[in-house]
Amino acid sequence: MDIEYGAVVTDKKGKTLGKVDYIIMDSWSGEPRKFMVRREKEGDAVFFTPGQVAEVTEKKVKLNIALEELEQT
């Protein structure tokens, strides 16, 4: 299943990070390289790669990494 705009993103601890706001595509292959989640309460954004995704369901993405680890990358 593909990750879509507006999908809710949670980290591996179940903490909701926000919604997918932007998808960065690889211009050569056409595949997604990174996804951006805008965190409205914090006023910033975090990025994750397809390799950091544990599970994708309709309108929800669960990462295999905690927010603390994600902010360090």
PDB file of N, CA and C in Angstrom:
ATOM      1  N   MET A   1       0.842  -1.175   0.000  1.00  0.00           N
ATOM      2  CA  MET A   1       0.000   0.000   0.000  1.00  0.00           C
ATOM      3  C   MET A   1       0.895   1.248   0.000  1.00  0.00           C
ATOM      4  N   ASP A   2       0.544   2.224  -0.769  1.00  0.00           N
ATOM      5  CA  ASP A   2       1.319   3.460  -0.875  1.00  0.00           C
ATOM      6  C   ASP A   2       0.953   4.448   0.226  1.00  0.00           C
ATOM      7  N   ILE A   3       1.941   5.227   0.630  1.00  0.00           N
ATOM      8  CA  ILE A   3       1.726   6.288   1.613  1.00  0.00           C
ATOM      9  C   ILE A   3       1.160   7.492   0.874  1.00  0.00           C
ATOM     10  N   GLU A   4       0.069   8.036   1.383  1.00  0.00           N
ATOM     11  CA  GLU A   4      -0.607   9.143   0.721  1.00  0.00           C
ATOM     12  C   GLU A   4      -0.549  10.411   1.569  1.00  0.00           C
ATOM     13  N   TYR A   5      -0.765  11.547   0.904  1.00  0.00           N
ATOM     14  CA  TYR A   5      -0.857  12.831   1.609  1.00  0.00           C
ATOM     15  C   TYR A   5      -1.974  12.749   2.646  1.00  0.00           C
ATOM     16  N   GLY A   6      -1.728  13.329   3.795  1.00  0.00           N
ATOM     17  CA  GLY A   6      -2.754  13.364   4.833  1.00  0.00           C
ATOM     18  C   GLY A   6      -2.793  12.140   5.716  1.00  0.00           C
ATOM     19  N   ALA A   7      -1.970  11.125   5.442  1.00  0.00           N
ATOM     20  CA  ALA A   7      -1.944   9.926   6.283  1.00  0.00           C
ATOM     21  C   ALA A   7      -1.369  10.287   7.656  1.00  0.00           C
ATOM     22  N   VAL A   8      -1.974   9.783   8.709  1.00  0.00           N
ATOM     23  CA  VAL A   8      -1.516  10.020  10.076  1.00  0.00           C
ATOM     24  C   VAL A   8      -0.275   9.166  10.320  1.00  0.00           C
ATOM     25  N   VAL A   9       0.761   9.776  10.902  1.00  0.00           N
ATOM     26  CA  VAL A   9       2.020   9.084  11.153  1.00  0.00           C
ATOM     27  C   VAL A   9       2.246   8.950  12.654  1.00  0.00           C
ATOM     28  N   THR A  10       2.559   7.710  13.090  1.00  0.00           N
ATOM     29  CA  THR A  10       2.895   7.451  14.486  1.00  0.00           C
ATOM     30  C   THR A  10       4.276   6.818  14.554  1.00  0.00           C
ATOM     31  N   ASP A  11       4.976   7.055  15.670  1.00  0.00           N
ATOM     32  CA  ASP A  11       6.288   6.422  15.833  1.00  0.00           C
ATOM     33  C   ASP A  11       6.103   5.030  16.427  1.00  0.00           C
ATOM     34  N   LYS A  12       7.196   4.330  16.699  1.00  0.00           N
ATOM     35  CA  LYS A  12       7.093   2.952  17.176  1.00  0.00           C
ATOM     36  C   LYS A  12       6.503   2.849  18.578  1.00  0.00           C
ATOM     37  N   LYS A  13       6.481   3.956  19.312  1.00  0.00           N
ATOM     38  CA  LYS A  13       5.895   3.976  20.650  1.00  0.00           C
ATOM     39  C   LYS A  13       4.410   4.323  20.615  1.00  0.00           C
ATOM     40  N   GLY A  14       3.883   4.612  19.424  1.00  0.00           N
ATOM     41  CA  GLY A  14       2.474   4.943  19.279  1.00  0.00           C
ATOM     42  C   GLY A  14       2.169   6.426  19.364  1.00  0.00           C
ATOM     43  N   LYS A  15       3.193   7.270  19.509  1.00  0.00           N
ATOM     44  CA  LYS A  15       2.989   8.717  19.590  1.00  0.00           C
ATOM     45  C   LYS A  15       2.662   9.271  18.206  1.00  0.00           C
ATOM     46  N   THR A  16       1.582  10.024  18.109  1.00  0.00           N
ATOM     47  CA  THR A  16       1.186  10.628  16.841  1.00  0.00           C
ATOM     48  C   THR A  16       2.103  11.806  16.537  1.00  0.00           C
ATOM     49  N   LEU A  17       2.720  11.774  15.351  1.00  0.00           N
ATOM     50  CA  LEU A  17       3.639  12.835  14.945  1.00  0.00           C
ATOM     51  C   LEU A  17       2.945  13.912  14.128  1.00  0.00           C
ATOM     52  N   GLY A  18       1.926  13.557  13.388  1.00  0.00           N
ATOM     53  CA  GLY A  18       1.217  14.489  12.518  1.00  0.00           C
ATOM     54  C   GLY A  18       0.759  13.774  11.266  1.00  0.00           C
ATOM     55  N   LYS A  19       0.613  14.536  10.192  1.00  0.00           N
ATOM     56  CA  LYS A  19       0.147  13.978   8.922  1.00  0.00           C
ATOM     57  C   LYS A  19       1.188  14.211   7.837  1.00  0.00           C
ATOM     58  N   VAL A  20       1.225  13.296   6.880  1.00  0.00           N
ATOM     59  CA  VAL A  20       2.138  13.444   5.742  1.00  0.00           C
ATOM     60  C   VAL A  20       1.740  14.697   4.977  1.00  0.00           C
ATOM     61  N   ASP A  21       2.679  15.629   4.866  1.00  0.00           N
ATOM     62  CA  ASP A  21       2.406  16.915   4.237  1.00  0.00           C
ATOM     63  C   ASP A  21       3.109  17.049   2.887  1.00  0.00           C
ATOM     64  N   TYR A  22       4.196  16.308   2.705  1.00  0.00           N
ATOM     65  CA  TYR A  22       4.987  16.474   1.492  1.00  0.00           C
ATOM     66  C   TYR A  22       5.709  15.159   1.194  1.00  0.00           C
ATOM     67  N   ILE A  23       5.738  14.771  -0.070  1.00  0.00           N
ATOM     68  CA  ILE A  23       6.432  13.565  -0.498  1.00  0.00           C
ATOM     69  C   ILE A  23       7.531  13.966  -1.469  1.00  0.00           C
ATOM     70  N   ILE A  24       8.763  13.594  -1.148  1.00  0.00           N
ATOM     71  CA  ILE A  24       9.904  13.915  -1.999  1.00  0.00           C
ATOM     72  C   ILE A  24      10.184  12.702  -2.881  1.00  0.00           C
ATOM     73  N   MET A  25      10.037  12.891  -4.186  1.00  0.00           N
ATOM     74  CA  MET A  25      10.193  11.801  -5.145  1.00  0.00           C
ATOM     75  C   MET A  25      11.588  11.801  -5.752  1.00  0.00           C
ATOM     76  N   ASP A  26      12.091  10.624  -6.052  1.00  0.00           N
ATOM     77  CA  ASP A  26      13.354  10.473  -6.770  1.00  0.00           C
ATOM     78  C   ASP A  26      13.069  10.769  -8.239  1.00  0.00           C
ATOM     79  N   SER A  27      13.731  11.764  -8.787  1.00  0.00           N
ATOM     80  CA  SER A  27      13.446  12.169 -10.167  1.00  0.00           C
ATOM     81  C   SER A  27      13.880  11.119 -11.182  1.00  0.00           C
ATOM     82  N   TRP A  28      14.803  10.251 -10.801  1.00  0.00           N
ATOM     83  CA  TRP A  28      15.270   9.227 -11.739  1.00  0.00           C
ATOM     84  C   TRP A  28      14.325   8.030 -11.773  1.00  0.00           C
ATOM     85  N   SER A  29      13.975   7.508 -10.610  1.00  0.00           N
ATOM     86  CA  SER A  29      13.150   6.296 -10.556  1.00  0.00           C
ATOM     87  C   SER A  29      11.659   6.581 -10.409  1.00  0.00           C
ATOM     88  N   GLY A  30      11.312   7.761  -9.917  1.00  0.00           N
ATOM     89  CA  GLY A  30       9.906   8.081  -9.681  1.00  0.00           C
ATOM     90  C   GLY A  30       9.378   7.521  -8.368  1.00  0.00           C
ATOM     91  N   GLU A  31      10.243   6.899  -7.586  1.00  0.00           N
ATOM     92  CA  GLU A  31       9.858   6.332  -6.297  1.00  0.00           C
ATOM     93  C   GLU A  31      10.016   7.380  -5.191  1.00  0.00           C
ATOM     94  N   PRO A  32       9.222   7.289  -4.120  1.00  0.00           N
ATOM     95  CA  PRO A  32       9.375   8.230  -3.011  1.00  0.00           C
ATOM     96  C   PRO A  32      10.682   7.988  -2.259  1.00  0.00           C
ATOM     97  N   ARG A  33      11.403   9.081  -1.943  1.00  0.00           N
ATOM     98  CA  ARG A  33      12.663   8.991  -1.190  1.00  0.00           C
ATOM     99  C   ARG A  33      12.493   9.391   0.256  1.00  0.00           C
ATOM    100  N   LYS A  34      11.676  10.412   0.499  1.00  0.00           N
ATOM    101  CA  LYS A  34      11.434  10.904   1.861  1.00  0.00           C
ATOM    102  C   LYS A  34      10.008  11.419   1.958  1.00  0.00           C
ATOM    103  N   PHE A  35       9.537  11.456   3.191  1.00  0.00           N
ATOM    104  CA  PHE A  35       8.215  11.994   3.488  1.00  0.00           C
ATOM    105  C   PHE A  35       8.385  13.026   4.589  1.00  0.00           C
ATOM    106  N   MET A  36       7.616  14.114   4.504  1.00  0.00           N
ATOM    107  CA  MET A  36       7.680  15.159   5.515  1.00  0.00           C
ATOM    108  C   MET A  36       6.379  15.181   6.306  1.00  0.00           C
ATOM    109  N   VAL A  37       6.531  15.262   7.618  1.00  0.00           N
ATOM    110  CA  VAL A  37       5.388  15.387   8.520  1.00  0.00           C
ATOM    111  C   VAL A  37       5.514  16.730   9.213  1.00  0.00           C
ATOM    112  N   ARG A  38       4.525  17.578   9.012  1.00  0.00           N
ATOM    113  CA  ARG A  38       4.527  18.883   9.686  1.00  0.00           C
ATOM    114  C   ARG A  38       3.871  18.712  11.046  1.00  0.00           C
ATOM    115  N   ARG A  39       4.597  19.114  12.081  1.00  0.00           N
ATOM    116  CA  ARG A  39       4.096  19.031  13.451  1.00  0.00           C
ATOM    117  C   ARG A  39       3.603  20.410  13.852  1.00  0.00           C
ATOM    118  N   GLU A  40       2.300  20.597  13.823  1.00  0.00           N
ATOM    119  CA  GLU A  40       1.715  21.920  14.032  1.00  0.00           C
ATOM    120  C   GLU A  40       1.911  22.440  15.453  1.00  0.00           C
ATOM    121  N   LYS A  41       1.796  21.598  16.452  1.00  0.00           N
ATOM    122  CA  LYS A  41       1.950  22.058  17.841  1.00  0.00           C
ATOM    123  C   LYS A  41       3.370  22.552  18.095  1.00  0.00           C
ATOM    124  N   GLU A  42       4.356  21.820  17.559  1.00  0.00           N
ATOM    125  CA  GLU A  42       5.751  22.179  17.777  1.00  0.00           C
ATOM    126  C   GLU A  42       6.242  23.222  16.778  1.00  0.00           C
ATOM    127  N   GLY A  43       5.533  23.380  15.677  1.00  0.00           N
ATOM    128  CA  GLY A  43       5.905  24.365  14.675  1.00  0.00           C
ATOM    129  C   GLY A  43       7.098  23.956  13.823  1.00  0.00           C
ATOM    130  N   ASP A  44       7.352  22.667  13.736  1.00  0.00           N
ATOM    131  CA  ASP A  44       8.467  22.197  12.916  1.00  0.00           C
ATOM    132  C   ASP A  44       8.021  21.013  12.058  1.00  0.00           C
ATOM    133  N   ALA A  45       8.974  20.359  11.451  1.00  0.00           N
ATOM    134  CA  ALA A  45       8.676  19.208  10.605  1.00  0.00           C
ATOM    135  C   ALA A  45       9.728  18.135  10.834  1.00  0.00           C
ATOM    136  N   VAL A  46       9.345  16.889  10.619  1.00  0.00           N
ATOM    137  CA  VAL A  46      10.282  15.775  10.658  1.00  0.00           C
ATOM    138  C   VAL A  46      10.176  15.025   9.340  1.00  0.00           C
ATOM    139  N   PHE A  47      11.270  14.378   8.977  1.00  0.00           N
ATOM    140  CA  PHE A  47      11.323  13.615   7.739  1.00  0.00           C
ATOM    141  C   PHE A  47      11.579  12.150   8.061  1.00  0.00           C
ATOM    142  N   PHE A  48      11.014  11.254   7.256  1.00  0.00           N
ATOM    143  CA  PHE A  48      11.307   9.837   7.377  1.00  0.00           C
ATOM    144  C   PHE A  48      11.426   9.236   5.987  1.00  0.00           C
ATOM    145  N   THR A  49      12.140   8.132   5.915  1.00  0.00           N
ATOM    146  CA  THR A  49      12.369   7.453   4.644  1.00  0.00           C
ATOM    147  C   THR A  49      11.507   6.189   4.568  1.00  0.00           C
ATOM    148  N   PRO A  50      11.343   5.633   3.382  1.00  0.00           N
ATOM    149  CA  PRO A  50      10.585   4.380   3.266  1.00  0.00           C
ATOM    150  C   PRO A  50      11.168   3.251   4.122  1.00  0.00           C
ATOM    151  N   GLY A  51      12.481   3.252   4.369  1.00  0.00           N
ATOM    152  CA  GLY A  51      13.106   2.236   5.201  1.00  0.00           C
ATOM    153  C   GLY A  51      12.764   2.333   6.673  1.00  0.00           C
ATOM    154  N   GLN A  52      12.195   3.446   7.097  1.00  0.00           N
ATOM    155  CA  GLN A  52      11.821   3.643   8.498  1.00  0.00           C
ATOM    156  C   GLN A  52      10.344   3.353   8.746  1.00  0.00           C
ATOM    157  N   VAL A  53       9.669   2.803   7.742  1.00  0.00           N
ATOM    158  CA  VAL A  53       8.243   2.502   7.848  1.00  0.00           C
ATOM    159  C   VAL A  53       8.061   1.043   8.255  1.00  0.00           C
ATOM    160  N   ALA A  54       7.298   0.826   9.327  1.00  0.00           N
ATOM    161  CA  ALA A  54       7.013  -0.534   9.787  1.00  0.00           C
ATOM    162  C   ALA A  54       5.734  -1.073   9.170  1.00  0.00           C
ATOM    163  N   GLU A  55       4.720  -0.205   9.068  1.00  0.00           N
ATOM    164  CA  GLU A  55       3.410  -0.664   8.607  1.00  0.00           C
ATOM    165  C   GLU A  55       2.644   0.487   7.966  1.00  0.00           C
ATOM    166  N   VAL A  56       1.972   0.178   6.884  1.00  0.00           N
ATOM    167  CA  VAL A  56       1.124   1.170   6.211  1.00  0.00           C
ATOM    168  C   VAL A  56      -0.262   0.570   6.058  1.00  0.00           C
ATOM    169  N   THR A  57      -1.260   1.275   6.588  1.00  0.00           N
ATOM    170  CA  THR A  57      -2.653   0.900   6.384  1.00  0.00           C
ATOM    171  C   THR A  57      -3.342   2.089   5.746  1.00  0.00           C
ATOM    172  N   GLU A  58      -4.595   1.944   5.461  1.00  0.00           N
ATOM    173  CA  GLU A  58      -5.320   3.048   4.842  1.00  0.00           C
ATOM    174  C   GLU A  58      -5.335   4.252   5.777  1.00  0.00           C
ATOM    175  N   LYS A  59      -4.705   5.330   5.339  1.00  0.00           N
ATOM    176  CA  LYS A  59      -4.653   6.609   6.067  1.00  0.00           C
ATOM    177  C   LYS A  59      -3.839   6.581   7.355  1.00  0.00           C
ATOM    178  N   LYS A  60      -2.957   5.559   7.540  1.00  0.00           N
ATOM    179  CA  LYS A  60      -2.123   5.524   8.740  1.00  0.00           C
ATOM    180  C   LYS A  60      -0.775   4.891   8.410  1.00  0.00           C
ATOM    181  N   VAL A  61       0.280   5.499   8.971  1.00  0.00           N
ATOM    182  CA  VAL A  61       1.646   5.008   8.790  1.00  0.00           C
ATOM    183  C   VAL A  61       2.265   4.829  10.166  1.00  0.00           C
ATOM    184  N   LYS A  62       2.825   3.650  10.421  1.00  0.00           N
ATOM    185  CA  LYS A  62       3.528   3.402  11.680  1.00  0.00           C
ATOM    186  C   LYS A  62       5.002   3.227  11.358  1.00  0.00           C
ATOM    187  N   LEU A  63       5.848   3.983  12.065  1.00  0.00           N
ATOM    188  CA  LEU A  63       7.288   3.917  11.839  1.00  0.00           C
ATOM    189  C   LEU A  63       7.926   2.867  12.740  1.00  0.00           C
ATOM    190  N   ASN A  64       9.121   2.404  12.346  1.00  0.00           N
ATOM    191  CA  ASN A  64       9.853   1.442  13.159  1.00  0.00           C
ATOM    192  C   ASN A  64      10.942   2.126  13.986  1.00  0.00           C
ATOM    193  N   ILE A  65      10.754   3.417  14.216  1.00  0.00           N
ATOM    194  CA  ILE A  65      11.731   4.242  14.919  1.00  0.00           C
ATOM    195  C   ILE A  65      10.969   5.224  15.822  1.00  0.00           C
ATOM    196  N   ALA A  66      11.557   5.546  16.964  1.00  0.00           N
ATOM    197  CA  ALA A  66      10.930   6.504  17.888  1.00  0.00           C
ATOM    198  C   ALA A  66      11.226   7.930  17.428  1.00  0.00           C
ATOM    199  N   LEU A  67      10.399   8.869  17.856  1.00  0.00           N
ATOM    200  CA  LEU A  67      10.565  10.270  17.488  1.00  0.00           C
ATOM    201  C   LEU A  67      11.947  10.782  17.881  1.00  0.00           C
ATOM    202  N   GLU A  68      12.430  10.404  19.037  1.00  0.00           N
ATOM    203  CA  GLU A  68      13.732  10.881  19.502  1.00  0.00           C
ATOM    204  C   GLU A  68      14.849  10.466  18.525  1.00  0.00           C
ATOM    205  N   GLU A  69      14.770   9.226  18.048  1.00  0.00           N
ATOM    206  CA  GLU A  69      15.766   8.731  17.088  1.00  0.00           C
ATOM    207  C   GLU A  69      15.598   9.415  15.729  1.00  0.00           C
ATOM    208  N   LEU A  70      14.367   9.678  15.359  1.00  0.00           N
ATOM    209  CA  LEU A  70      14.050  10.299  14.071  1.00  0.00           C
ATOM    210  C   LEU A  70      14.598  11.720  14.012  1.00  0.00           C
ATOM    211  N   GLU A  71      14.519  12.444  15.102  1.00  0.00           N
ATOM    212  CA  GLU A  71      15.005  13.825  15.131  1.00  0.00           C
ATOM    213  C   GLU A  71      16.517  13.901  15.045  1.00  0.00           C
ATOM    214  N   GLN A  72      17.219  12.825  15.380  1.00  0.00           N
ATOM    215  CA  GLN A  72      18.671  12.798  15.329  1.00  0.00           C
ATOM    216  C   GLN A  72      19.197  12.516  13.934  1.00  0.00           C
ATOM    217  N   THR A  73      18.369  11.963  13.052  1.00  0.00           N
ATOM    218  CA  THR A  73      18.834  11.625  11.706  1.00  0.00           C
ATOM    219  C   THR A  73      18.683  12.765  10.753  1.00  0.00           C
TER     220      THR A  73
END
